[in-house]
Amino acid sequence: MASGEAFYGLIPEEDWNTPDYINETKYNESLEDFVERDIIYGGSRSYRNMCHFNSGFFFRQKLLASYDYYFRVEPGVEYYCDFQMDPFRLMRENGKKYGFVISLLEYPETIPTLWNTVEDFLHEYPTSQHPNSAVGFITTKEPIGPDSLVTDSELPYNLCHFWSNFEIGDLNFFRSDRYLDYFNYLSRSGGFYYERWGDAPVHSIAASLLLDRNEIMHFEDIGYTHTPFFTFPDSASMRIGKRCLVPEERKNIDILPHSCLPRWWKYGSGKRFTREYFHENEYI
């Protein structure tokens, strides 16, 4: 259902299919290896195409050419609370370029060389990283809270990422030269196919490095689930005010051990309630 006019489009084959520069023999060997190791979506070609498309091509579609913002909605997701604001207006008036609801750890088996490739990119494009970036969010590893999980990876990347099945973002960030340079560098390395790089860590690392940390927003008052994780306002009064219908047996991932949200509060833009943005702009 849509409250207004809806438009539909077909993704061009050249935007979706595996690029010509991917070595088919190496790709097939990688698929077999991932299947043998029972890595999630390890044997799926379509999943890799999807992650590659969502990392580098969704914002180039003609259907989106007249828009400045996008809201990613996946099949099967649920929203437990009323939206009492226009998220696009909120982001525009507060200078936000990327919004998320859940942050957690990535599967390390799917991205063994991603961070090394990112470091190579930064070496070749040394001015890409924003001087007030959220690099600490994706590189610090000390425990935050009594039950937080800490990755034992030898790489600087701590595996924290924004779960990209929910995203509200500024399309012009992804259309920018700095993001396109970043994506093209990653794509040419072949890691989307020879490994199984997801668009979530690719988007998250880009946002954390290329944006000002204050341009990234956590929507703390949105009740949301994409199997198997749930997030919703912890405040009972907020749940009442937003008319949330949260199943009683569900646990809020925000403060569970595998959540990276406490690390975002410390090394990102801090902890701030969405209501504060409303009051500043007087449109609630």
C-alpha atoms as a PDB file:
ATOM      1  CA  MET A   1       0.000   0.000   0.000  1.00  0.00           C
ATOM      2  CA  ALA A   2       1.106   3.539  -0.685  1.00  0.00           C
ATOM      3  CA  SER A   3      -0.582   6.783   0.329  1.00  0.00           C
ATOM      4  CA  GLY A   4       0.395   8.462  -2.923  1.00  0.00           C
ATOM      5  CA  GLU A   5       1.417   7.650  -6.467  1.00  0.00           C
ATOM      6  CA  ALA A   6       3.917   4.782  -6.730  1.00  0.00           C
ATOM      7  CA  PHE A   7       6.453   4.159  -9.487  1.00  0.00           C
ATOM      8  CA  TYR A   8       8.073   0.872 -10.481  1.00  0.00           C
ATOM      9  CA  GLY A   9      11.169   0.180 -12.533  1.00  0.00           C
ATOM     10  CA  LEU A  10      13.327  -2.636 -13.878  1.00  0.00           C
ATOM     11  CA  ILE A  11      17.005  -2.737 -12.908  1.00  0.00           C
ATOM     12  CA  PRO A  12      19.213  -2.814 -16.039  1.00  0.00           C
ATOM     13  CA  GLU A  13      21.141  -6.068 -16.431  1.00  0.00           C
ATOM     14  CA  GLU A  14      24.486  -4.256 -16.524  1.00  0.00           C
ATOM     15  CA  ASP A  15      23.770  -2.765 -13.081  1.00  0.00           C
ATOM     16  CA  TRP A  16      22.824  -6.107 -11.523  1.00  0.00           C
ATOM     17  CA  ASN A  17      24.879  -8.832 -13.167  1.00  0.00           C
ATOM     18  CA  THR A  18      28.438  -9.813 -12.288  1.00  0.00           C
ATOM     19  CA  PRO A  19      30.960  -7.384 -13.861  1.00  0.00           C
ATOM     20  CA  ASP A  20      33.074  -8.604 -16.792  1.00  0.00           C
ATOM     21  CA  TYR A  21      36.315  -8.081 -14.873  1.00  0.00           C
ATOM     22  CA  ILE A  22      35.472 -10.824 -12.354  1.00  0.00           C
ATOM     23  CA  ASN A  23      37.475 -13.992 -13.081  1.00  0.00           C
ATOM     24  CA  GLU A  24      34.858 -16.717 -13.502  1.00  0.00           C
ATOM     25  CA  THR A  25      37.191 -19.571 -12.513  1.00  0.00           C
ATOM     26  CA  LYS A  26      38.263 -17.831  -9.320  1.00  0.00           C
ATOM     27  CA  TYR A  27      34.643 -16.915  -8.622  1.00  0.00           C
ATOM     28  CA  ASN A  28      33.438 -20.523  -8.958  1.00  0.00           C
ATOM     29  CA  GLU A  29      36.214 -21.756  -6.693  1.00  0.00           C
ATOM     30  CA  SER A  30      35.221 -19.171  -4.119  1.00  0.00           C
ATOM     31  CA  LEU A  31      31.583 -20.245  -4.232  1.00  0.00           C
ATOM     32  CA  GLU A  32      32.558 -23.868  -3.662  1.00  0.00           C
ATOM     33  CA  ASP A  33      34.792 -22.903  -0.760  1.00  0.00           C
ATOM     34  CA  PHE A  34      32.079 -20.830   0.913  1.00  0.00           C
ATOM     35  CA  VAL A  35      29.569 -23.663   0.537  1.00  0.00           C
ATOM     36  CA  GLU A  36      31.991 -26.164   2.070  1.00  0.00           C
ATOM     37  CA  ARG A  37      32.519 -23.857   5.047  1.00  0.00           C
ATOM     38  CA  ASP A  38      28.750 -23.354   5.411  1.00  0.00           C
ATOM     39  CA  ILE A  39      28.960 -19.553   5.375  1.00  0.00           C
ATOM     40  CA  ILE A  40      25.591 -17.812   5.225  1.00  0.00           C
ATOM     41  CA  TYR A  41      24.579 -17.091   1.582  1.00  0.00           C
ATOM     42  CA  GLY A  42      28.032 -18.407   0.703  1.00  0.00           C
ATOM     43  CA  GLY A  43      26.953 -20.196  -2.458  1.00  0.00           C
ATOM     44  CA  SER A  44      24.538 -17.547  -3.730  1.00  0.00           C
ATOM     45  CA  ARG A  45      25.403 -15.599  -6.872  1.00  0.00           C
ATOM     46  CA  SER A  46      22.232 -13.512  -6.645  1.00  0.00           C
ATOM     47  CA  TYR A  47      23.074 -12.423  -3.097  1.00  0.00           C
ATOM     48  CA  ARG A  48      26.453 -11.171  -4.260  1.00  0.00           C
ATOM     49  CA  ASN A  49      24.852  -9.326  -7.170  1.00  0.00           C
ATOM     50  CA  MET A  50      22.388  -7.759  -4.740  1.00  0.00           C
ATOM     51  CA  CYS A  51      25.132  -6.574  -2.368  1.00  0.00           C
ATOM     52  CA  HIS A  52      27.166  -5.188  -5.269  1.00  0.00           C
ATOM     53  CA  PHE A  53      24.095  -3.408  -6.671  1.00  0.00           C
ATOM     54  CA  ASN A  54      23.100  -1.978  -3.280  1.00  0.00           C
ATOM     55  CA  SER A  55      26.650  -0.775  -2.737  1.00  0.00           C
ATOM     56  CA  GLY A  56      27.188   0.941  -6.053  1.00  0.00           C
ATOM     57  CA  PHE A  57      24.144   1.172  -8.288  1.00  0.00           C
ATOM     58  CA  PHE A  58      20.842   1.672  -6.485  1.00  0.00           C
ATOM     59  CA  PHE A  59      21.370   5.440  -6.345  1.00  0.00           C
ATOM     60  CA  ARG A  60      22.136   5.608 -10.086  1.00  0.00           C
ATOM     61  CA  GLN A  61      18.718   4.321 -11.161  1.00  0.00           C
ATOM     62  CA  LYS A  62      16.725   6.688 -13.403  1.00  0.00           C
ATOM     63  CA  LEU A  63      13.727   6.201 -11.128  1.00  0.00           C
ATOM     64  CA  LEU A  64      15.613   7.988  -8.332  1.00  0.00           C
ATOM     65  CA  ALA A  65      17.126  10.782 -10.422  1.00  0.00           C
ATOM     66  CA  SER A  66      14.678  13.426  -9.184  1.00  0.00           C
ATOM     67  CA  TYR A  67      15.053  12.511  -5.497  1.00  0.00           C
ATOM     68  CA  ASP A  68      17.505  13.609  -2.815  1.00  0.00           C
ATOM     69  CA  TYR A  69      16.670  11.004  -0.140  1.00  0.00           C
ATOM     70  CA  TYR A  70      15.784   7.321   0.026  1.00  0.00           C
ATOM     71  CA  PHE A  71      14.209   5.020   2.613  1.00  0.00           C
ATOM     72  CA  ARG A  72      15.154   1.374   2.183  1.00  0.00           C
ATOM     73  CA  VAL A  73      12.280  -1.013   2.922  1.00  0.00           C
ATOM     74  CA  GLU A  74      12.902  -4.772   2.789  1.00  0.00           C
ATOM     75  CA  PRO A  75      10.285  -7.521   2.323  1.00  0.00           C
ATOM     76  CA  GLY A  76       9.114  -8.954   5.636  1.00  0.00           C
ATOM     77  CA  VAL A  77      10.164  -6.089   7.910  1.00  0.00           C
ATOM     78  CA  GLU A  78       7.793  -4.791  10.577  1.00  0.00           C
ATOM     79  CA  TYR A  79       7.425  -1.431  12.293  1.00  0.00           C
ATOM     80  CA  TYR A  80       6.067  -1.438  15.840  1.00  0.00           C
ATOM     81  CA  CYS A  81       5.647   2.291  16.519  1.00  0.00           C
ATOM     82  CA  ASP A  82       3.946   5.203  14.801  1.00  0.00           C
ATOM     83  CA  PHE A  83       6.111   7.504  12.701  1.00  0.00           C
ATOM     84  CA  GLN A  84       5.301  10.876  14.231  1.00  0.00           C
ATOM     85  CA  MET A  85       7.707  12.799  12.034  1.00  0.00           C
ATOM     86  CA  ASP A  86       8.847  13.172   8.450  1.00  0.00           C
ATOM     87  CA  PRO A  87      12.290  11.495   8.547  1.00  0.00           C
ATOM     88  CA  PHE A  88      13.381  13.161   5.303  1.00  0.00           C
ATOM     89  CA  ARG A  89      12.575  16.635   6.568  1.00  0.00           C
ATOM     90  CA  LEU A  90      14.231  15.834   9.889  1.00  0.00           C
ATOM     91  CA  MET A  91      17.450  14.776   8.148  1.00  0.00           C
ATOM     92  CA  ARG A  92      17.453  17.696   5.718  1.00  0.00           C
ATOM     93  CA  GLU A  93      16.877  20.352   8.371  1.00  0.00           C
ATOM     94  CA  ASN A  94      19.509  18.868  10.685  1.00  0.00           C
ATOM     95  CA  GLY A  95      22.172  18.192   8.050  1.00  0.00           C
ATOM     96  CA  LYS A  96      22.029  14.398   8.353  1.00  0.00           C
ATOM     97  CA  LYS A  97      23.171  12.198   5.477  1.00  0.00           C
ATOM     98  CA  TYR A  98      22.784   8.651   6.812  1.00  0.00           C
ATOM     99  CA  GLY A  99      20.320   7.189   9.315  1.00  0.00           C
ATOM    100  CA  PHE A 100      20.160   3.747  10.967  1.00  0.00           C
ATOM    101  CA  VAL A 101      18.325   1.848  13.701  1.00  0.00           C
ATOM    102  CA  ILE A 102      20.460  -1.263  14.393  1.00  0.00           C
ATOM    103  CA  SER A 103      24.228  -1.696  14.567  1.00  0.00           C
ATOM    104  CA  LEU A 104      25.900  -5.045  15.182  1.00  0.00           C
ATOM    105  CA  LEU A 105      28.894  -7.205  14.286  1.00  0.00           C
ATOM    106  CA  GLU A 106      29.489  -8.563  10.772  1.00  0.00           C
ATOM    107  CA  TYR A 107      30.384 -12.177   9.986  1.00  0.00           C
ATOM    108  CA  PRO A 108      34.194 -12.048   9.720  1.00  0.00           C
ATOM    109  CA  GLU A 109      34.269 -14.996   7.286  1.00  0.00           C
ATOM    110  CA  THR A 110      32.495 -12.903   4.642  1.00  0.00           C
ATOM    111  CA  ILE A 111      34.943  -9.959   4.562  1.00  0.00           C
ATOM    112  CA  PRO A 112      38.500 -11.252   5.188  1.00  0.00           C
ATOM    113  CA  THR A 113      40.186  -8.654   2.940  1.00  0.00           C
ATOM    114  CA  LEU A 114      37.644  -5.807   3.027  1.00  0.00           C
ATOM    115  CA  TRP A 115      39.523  -3.656   5.531  1.00  0.00           C
ATOM    116  CA  ASN A 116      42.867  -4.172   3.802  1.00  0.00           C
ATOM    117  CA  THR A 117      41.237  -2.985   0.583  1.00  0.00           C
ATOM    118  CA  VAL A 118      39.794   0.049   2.368  1.00  0.00           C
ATOM    119  CA  GLU A 119      43.264   0.901   3.702  1.00  0.00           C
ATOM    120  CA  ASP A 120      44.669   0.604   0.165  1.00  0.00           C
ATOM    121  CA  PHE A 121      41.931   2.969  -1.026  1.00  0.00           C
ATOM    122  CA  LEU A 122      42.755   5.511   1.689  1.00  0.00           C
ATOM    123  CA  HIS A 123      46.414   5.307   0.740  1.00  0.00           C
ATOM    124  CA  GLU A 124      45.551   6.083  -2.889  1.00  0.00           C
ATOM    125  CA  TYR A 125      42.933   8.714  -1.990  1.00  0.00           C
ATOM    126  CA  PRO A 126      44.398  10.250   1.185  1.00  0.00           C
ATOM    127  CA  THR A 127      42.019  13.223   1.313  1.00  0.00           C
ATOM    128  CA  SER A 128      38.874  11.082   1.298  1.00  0.00           C
ATOM    129  CA  GLN A 129      38.576  10.590   5.054  1.00  0.00           C
ATOM    130  CA  HIS A 130      36.639  13.368   6.787  1.00  0.00           C
ATOM    131  CA  PRO A 131      38.648  15.148   9.513  1.00  0.00           C
ATOM    132  CA  ASN A 132      35.758  14.612  11.966  1.00  0.00           C
ATOM    133  CA  SER A 133      34.999  11.050  10.877  1.00  0.00           C
ATOM    134  CA  ALA A 134      33.651   8.262  13.079  1.00  0.00           C
ATOM    135  CA  VAL A 135      36.723   6.098  12.480  1.00  0.00           C
ATOM    136  CA  GLY A 136      36.833   5.213  16.186  1.00  0.00           C
ATOM    137  CA  PHE A 137      33.441   3.545  15.884  1.00  0.00           C
ATOM    138  CA  ILE A 138      34.780   0.974  13.429  1.00  0.00           C
ATOM    139  CA  THR A 139      38.325   0.532  14.802  1.00  0.00           C
ATOM    140  CA  THR A 140      38.205   0.587  18.613  1.00  0.00           C
ATOM    141  CA  LYS A 141      37.968  -2.791  20.324  1.00  0.00           C
ATOM    142  CA  GLU A 142      37.865  -2.241  24.077  1.00  0.00           C
ATOM    143  CA  PRO A 143      34.804  -3.664  25.888  1.00  0.00           C
ATOM    144  CA  ILE A 144      32.003  -1.148  26.382  1.00  0.00           C
ATOM    145  CA  GLY A 145      29.707  -2.312  29.169  1.00  0.00           C
ATOM    146  CA  PRO A 146      29.914  -5.545  31.172  1.00  0.00           C
ATOM    147  CA  ASP A 147      28.628  -7.907  28.477  1.00  0.00           C
ATOM    148  CA  SER A 148      29.909  -6.516  25.159  1.00  0.00           C
ATOM    149  CA  LEU A 149      31.501  -8.845  22.658  1.00  0.00           C
ATOM    150  CA  VAL A 150      34.953  -7.991  21.359  1.00  0.00           C
ATOM    151  CA  THR A 151      36.247  -9.290  18.038  1.00  0.00           C
ATOM    152  CA  ASP A 152      39.487 -11.246  18.074  1.00  0.00           C
ATOM    153  CA  SER A 153      40.294 -10.196  14.505  1.00  0.00           C
ATOM    154  CA  GLU A 154      43.883  -9.099  13.943  1.00  0.00           C
ATOM    155  CA  LEU A 155      42.676  -6.386  11.555  1.00  0.00           C
ATOM    156  CA  PRO A 156      41.967  -2.865  12.806  1.00  0.00           C
ATOM    157  CA  TYR A 157      38.319  -3.197  11.716  1.00  0.00           C
ATOM    158  CA  ASN A 158      36.169  -4.258  14.681  1.00  0.00           C
ATOM    159  CA  LEU A 159      33.311  -5.597  12.448  1.00  0.00           C
ATOM    160  CA  CYS A 160      30.776  -3.000  13.645  1.00  0.00           C
ATOM    161  CA  HIS A 161      28.335  -1.931  10.961  1.00  0.00           C
ATOM    162  CA  PHE A 162      24.935  -0.329  10.484  1.00  0.00           C
ATOM    163  CA  TRP A 163      22.358  -2.963   9.528  1.00  0.00           C
ATOM    164  CA  SER A 164      21.489  -1.713   6.069  1.00  0.00           C
ATOM    165  CA  ASN A 165      18.111  -3.428   5.668  1.00  0.00           C
ATOM    166  CA  PHE A 166      16.927  -0.196   7.312  1.00  0.00           C
ATOM    167  CA  GLU A 167      18.489   2.939   5.884  1.00  0.00           C
ATOM    168  CA  ILE A 168      17.353   6.498   5.397  1.00  0.00           C
ATOM    169  CA  GLY A 169      19.971   8.440   3.524  1.00  0.00           C
ATOM    170  CA  ASP A 170      21.028  11.308   1.330  1.00  0.00           C
ATOM    171  CA  LEU A 171      21.342  10.058  -2.248  1.00  0.00           C
ATOM    172  CA  ASN A 172      23.781  12.852  -3.037  1.00  0.00           C
ATOM    173  CA  PHE A 173      26.307  11.353  -0.627  1.00  0.00           C
ATOM    174  CA  PHE A 174      26.336   8.138  -2.654  1.00  0.00           C
ATOM    175  CA  ARG A 175      26.428  10.095  -5.916  1.00  0.00           C
ATOM    176  CA  SER A 176      29.473  12.060  -4.756  1.00  0.00           C
ATOM    177  CA  ASP A 177      32.915  11.537  -6.299  1.00  0.00           C
ATOM    178  CA  ARG A 178      34.401  10.446  -2.957  1.00  0.00           C
ATOM    179  CA  TYR A 179      31.849   7.653  -2.530  1.00  0.00           C
ATOM    180  CA  LEU A 180      32.081   6.596  -6.189  1.00  0.00           C
ATOM    181  CA  ASP A 181      35.885   6.480  -5.956  1.00  0.00           C
ATOM    182  CA  TYR A 182      35.507   4.320  -2.847  1.00  0.00           C
ATOM    183  CA  PHE A 183      32.972   1.939  -4.396  1.00  0.00           C
ATOM    184  CA  ASN A 184      34.804   1.604  -7.709  1.00  0.00           C
ATOM    185  CA  TYR A 185      38.026   0.771  -5.886  1.00  0.00           C
ATOM    186  CA  LEU A 186      36.290  -1.943  -3.836  1.00  0.00           C
ATOM    187  CA  SER A 187      34.435  -3.313  -6.840  1.00  0.00           C
ATOM    188  CA  ARG A 188      37.587  -3.650  -8.963  1.00  0.00           C
ATOM    189  CA  SER A 189      39.242  -5.649  -6.170  1.00  0.00           C
ATOM    190  CA  GLY A 190      36.659  -8.416  -6.712  1.00  0.00           C
ATOM    191  CA  GLY A 191      35.837  -8.877  -3.027  1.00  0.00           C
ATOM    192  CA  PHE A 192      32.091  -8.699  -3.560  1.00  0.00           C
ATOM    193  CA  TYR A 193      32.382 -11.945  -5.541  1.00  0.00           C
ATOM    194  CA  TYR A 194      35.562 -13.752  -4.516  1.00  0.00           C
ATOM    195  CA  GLU A 195      34.525 -13.258  -0.913  1.00  0.00           C
ATOM    196  CA  ARG A 196      30.996 -12.190   0.075  1.00  0.00           C
ATOM    197  CA  TRP A 197      31.125  -8.547   1.008  1.00  0.00           C
ATOM    198  CA  GLY A 198      27.776  -7.256   2.159  1.00  0.00           C
ATOM    199  CA  ASP A 199      26.497  -3.789   1.397  1.00  0.00           C
ATOM    200  CA  ALA A 200      26.054  -3.192   5.152  1.00  0.00           C
ATOM    201  CA  PRO A 201      29.772  -3.067   6.058  1.00  0.00           C
ATOM    202  CA  VAL A 202      30.540  -1.319   2.748  1.00  0.00           C
ATOM    203  CA  HIS A 203      27.987   1.435   3.475  1.00  0.00           C
ATOM    204  CA  SER A 204      28.971   1.605   7.143  1.00  0.00           C
ATOM    205  CA  ILE A 205      32.685   1.985   6.552  1.00  0.00           C
ATOM    206  CA  ALA A 206      31.987   4.627   3.909  1.00  0.00           C
ATOM    207  CA  ALA A 207      29.695   6.619   6.194  1.00  0.00           C
ATOM    208  CA  SER A 208      32.085   6.280   9.142  1.00  0.00           C
ATOM    209  CA  LEU A 209      35.127   7.428   7.151  1.00  0.00           C
ATOM    210  CA  LEU A 210      33.813   9.813   4.501  1.00  0.00           C
ATOM    211  CA  LEU A 211      31.160  11.715   6.464  1.00  0.00           C
ATOM    212  CA  ASP A 212      31.341  13.991   9.465  1.00  0.00           C
ATOM    213  CA  ARG A 213      30.276  11.811  12.399  1.00  0.00           C
ATOM    214  CA  ASN A 214      27.525  14.348  13.171  1.00  0.00           C
ATOM    215  CA  GLU A 215      25.988  13.727   9.745  1.00  0.00           C
ATOM    216  CA  ILE A 216      25.037  10.184  10.822  1.00  0.00           C
ATOM    217  CA  MET A 217      21.842   9.694  12.830  1.00  0.00           C
ATOM    218  CA  HIS A 218      20.510   6.912  15.024  1.00  0.00           C
ATOM    219  CA  PHE A 219      16.692   6.796  14.925  1.00  0.00           C
ATOM    220  CA  GLU A 220      16.281   5.663  18.523  1.00  0.00           C
ATOM    221  CA  ASP A 221      12.474   5.993  18.601  1.00  0.00           C
ATOM    222  CA  ILE A 222      11.631   3.690  15.677  1.00  0.00           C
ATOM    223  CA  GLY A 223      10.320   0.216  16.514  1.00  0.00           C
ATOM    224  CA  TYR A 224      11.618  -2.152  13.853  1.00  0.00           C
ATOM    225  CA  THR A 225      12.380  -5.779  13.137  1.00  0.00           C
ATOM    226  CA  HIS A 226      14.101  -7.668  10.361  1.00  0.00           C
ATOM    227  CA  THR A 227      14.428 -11.303  11.358  1.00  0.00           C
ATOM    228  CA  PRO A 228      15.973 -12.150  13.759  1.00  0.00           C
ATOM    229  CA  PHE A 229      16.631  -8.801  15.486  1.00  0.00           C
ATOM    230  CA  PHE A 230      14.343  -6.230  17.104  1.00  0.00           C
ATOM    231  CA  THR A 231      14.801  -2.632  18.177  1.00  0.00           C
ATOM    232  CA  PHE A 232      12.333  -0.348  19.911  1.00  0.00           C
ATOM    233  CA  PRO A 233      12.315   2.542  22.413  1.00  0.00           C
ATOM    234  CA  ASP A 234      13.302   1.391  25.897  1.00  0.00           C
ATOM    235  CA  SER A 235      11.337   4.178  27.531  1.00  0.00           C
ATOM    236  CA  ALA A 236       7.849   3.026  28.571  1.00  0.00           C
ATOM    237  CA  SER A 237       6.481   6.561  28.226  1.00  0.00           C
ATOM    238  CA  MET A 238       7.929   6.842  24.715  1.00  0.00           C
ATOM    239  CA  ARG A 239       6.377   3.526  23.704  1.00  0.00           C
ATOM    240  CA  ILE A 240       3.009   4.788  24.938  1.00  0.00           C
ATOM    241  CA  GLY A 241       3.416   8.152  23.239  1.00  0.00           C
ATOM    242  CA  LYS A 242       4.354   6.557  19.928  1.00  0.00           C
ATOM    243  CA  ARG A 243       1.658   3.869  20.297  1.00  0.00           C
ATOM    244  CA  CYS A 244       4.168   1.042  20.016  1.00  0.00           C
ATOM    245  CA  LEU A 245       2.921  -2.553  19.860  1.00  0.00           C
ATOM    246  CA  VAL A 246       6.036  -4.523  20.794  1.00  0.00           C
ATOM    247  CA  PRO A 247       5.656  -8.282  21.431  1.00  0.00           C
ATOM    248  CA  GLU A 248       6.453  -8.892  25.093  1.00  0.00           C
ATOM    249  CA  GLU A 249       8.808 -11.800  24.434  1.00  0.00           C
ATOM    250  CA  ARG A 250      11.081  -9.797  22.139  1.00  0.00           C
ATOM    251  CA  LYS A 251      14.462  -8.555  23.343  1.00  0.00           C
ATOM    252  CA  ASN A 252      15.779  -5.166  22.297  1.00  0.00           C
ATOM    253  CA  ILE A 253      19.096  -5.685  20.500  1.00  0.00           C
ATOM    254  CA  ASP A 254      20.318  -2.180  21.350  1.00  0.00           C
ATOM    255  CA  ILE A 255      22.073  -3.202  24.570  1.00  0.00           C
ATOM    256  CA  LEU A 256      22.695  -6.897  23.925  1.00  0.00           C
ATOM    257  CA  PRO A 257      26.351  -8.089  23.792  1.00  0.00           C
ATOM    258  CA  HIS A 258      26.524  -8.235  19.977  1.00  0.00           C
ATOM    259  CA  SER A 259      25.136  -4.708  19.528  1.00  0.00           C
ATOM    260  CA  CYS A 260      27.534  -1.951  18.472  1.00  0.00           C
ATOM    261  CA  LEU A 261      25.170   0.838  19.482  1.00  0.00           C
ATOM    262  CA  PRO A 262      26.984   1.623  22.781  1.00  0.00           C
ATOM    263  CA  ARG A 263      30.185   1.984  20.744  1.00  0.00           C
ATOM    264  CA  TRP A 264      28.393   4.390  18.437  1.00  0.00           C
ATOM    265  CA  TRP A 265      27.250   6.446  21.421  1.00  0.00           C
ATOM    266  CA  LYS A 266      30.867   6.690  22.562  1.00  0.00           C
ATOM    267  CA  TYR A 267      32.745   7.107  19.271  1.00  0.00           C
ATOM    268  CA  GLY A 268      30.065   8.326  16.879  1.00  0.00           C
ATOM    269  CA  SER A 269      27.786  11.321  17.297  1.00  0.00           C
ATOM    270  CA  GLY A 270      26.852  10.405  20.869  1.00  0.00           C
ATOM    271  CA  LYS A 271      23.488   9.643  22.403  1.00  0.00           C
ATOM    272  CA  ARG A 272      20.756  12.062  21.435  1.00  0.00           C
ATOM    273  CA  PHE A 273      16.987  11.662  21.404  1.00  0.00           C
ATOM    274  CA  THR A 274      15.083  12.254  18.180  1.00  0.00           C
ATOM    275  CA  ARG A 275      12.658  14.523  20.042  1.00  0.00           C
ATOM    276  CA  GLU A 276      15.475  17.034  20.513  1.00  0.00           C
ATOM    277  CA  TYR A 277      15.642  17.558  16.751  1.00  0.00           C
ATOM    278  CA  PHE A 278      11.883  18.147  16.658  1.00  0.00           C
ATOM    279  CA  HIS A 279      11.975  20.850  19.298  1.00  0.00           C
ATOM    280  CA  GLU A 280      14.887  22.648  17.659  1.00  0.00           C
ATOM    281  CA  ASN A 281      12.996  22.948  14.387  1.00  0.00           C
ATOM    282  CA  GLU A 282       9.508  23.313  15.865  1.00  0.00           C
ATOM    283  CA  TYR A 283       7.651  20.958  13.601  1.00  0.00           C
ATOM    284  CA  ILE A 284       6.331  18.325  15.988  1.00  0.00           C
END
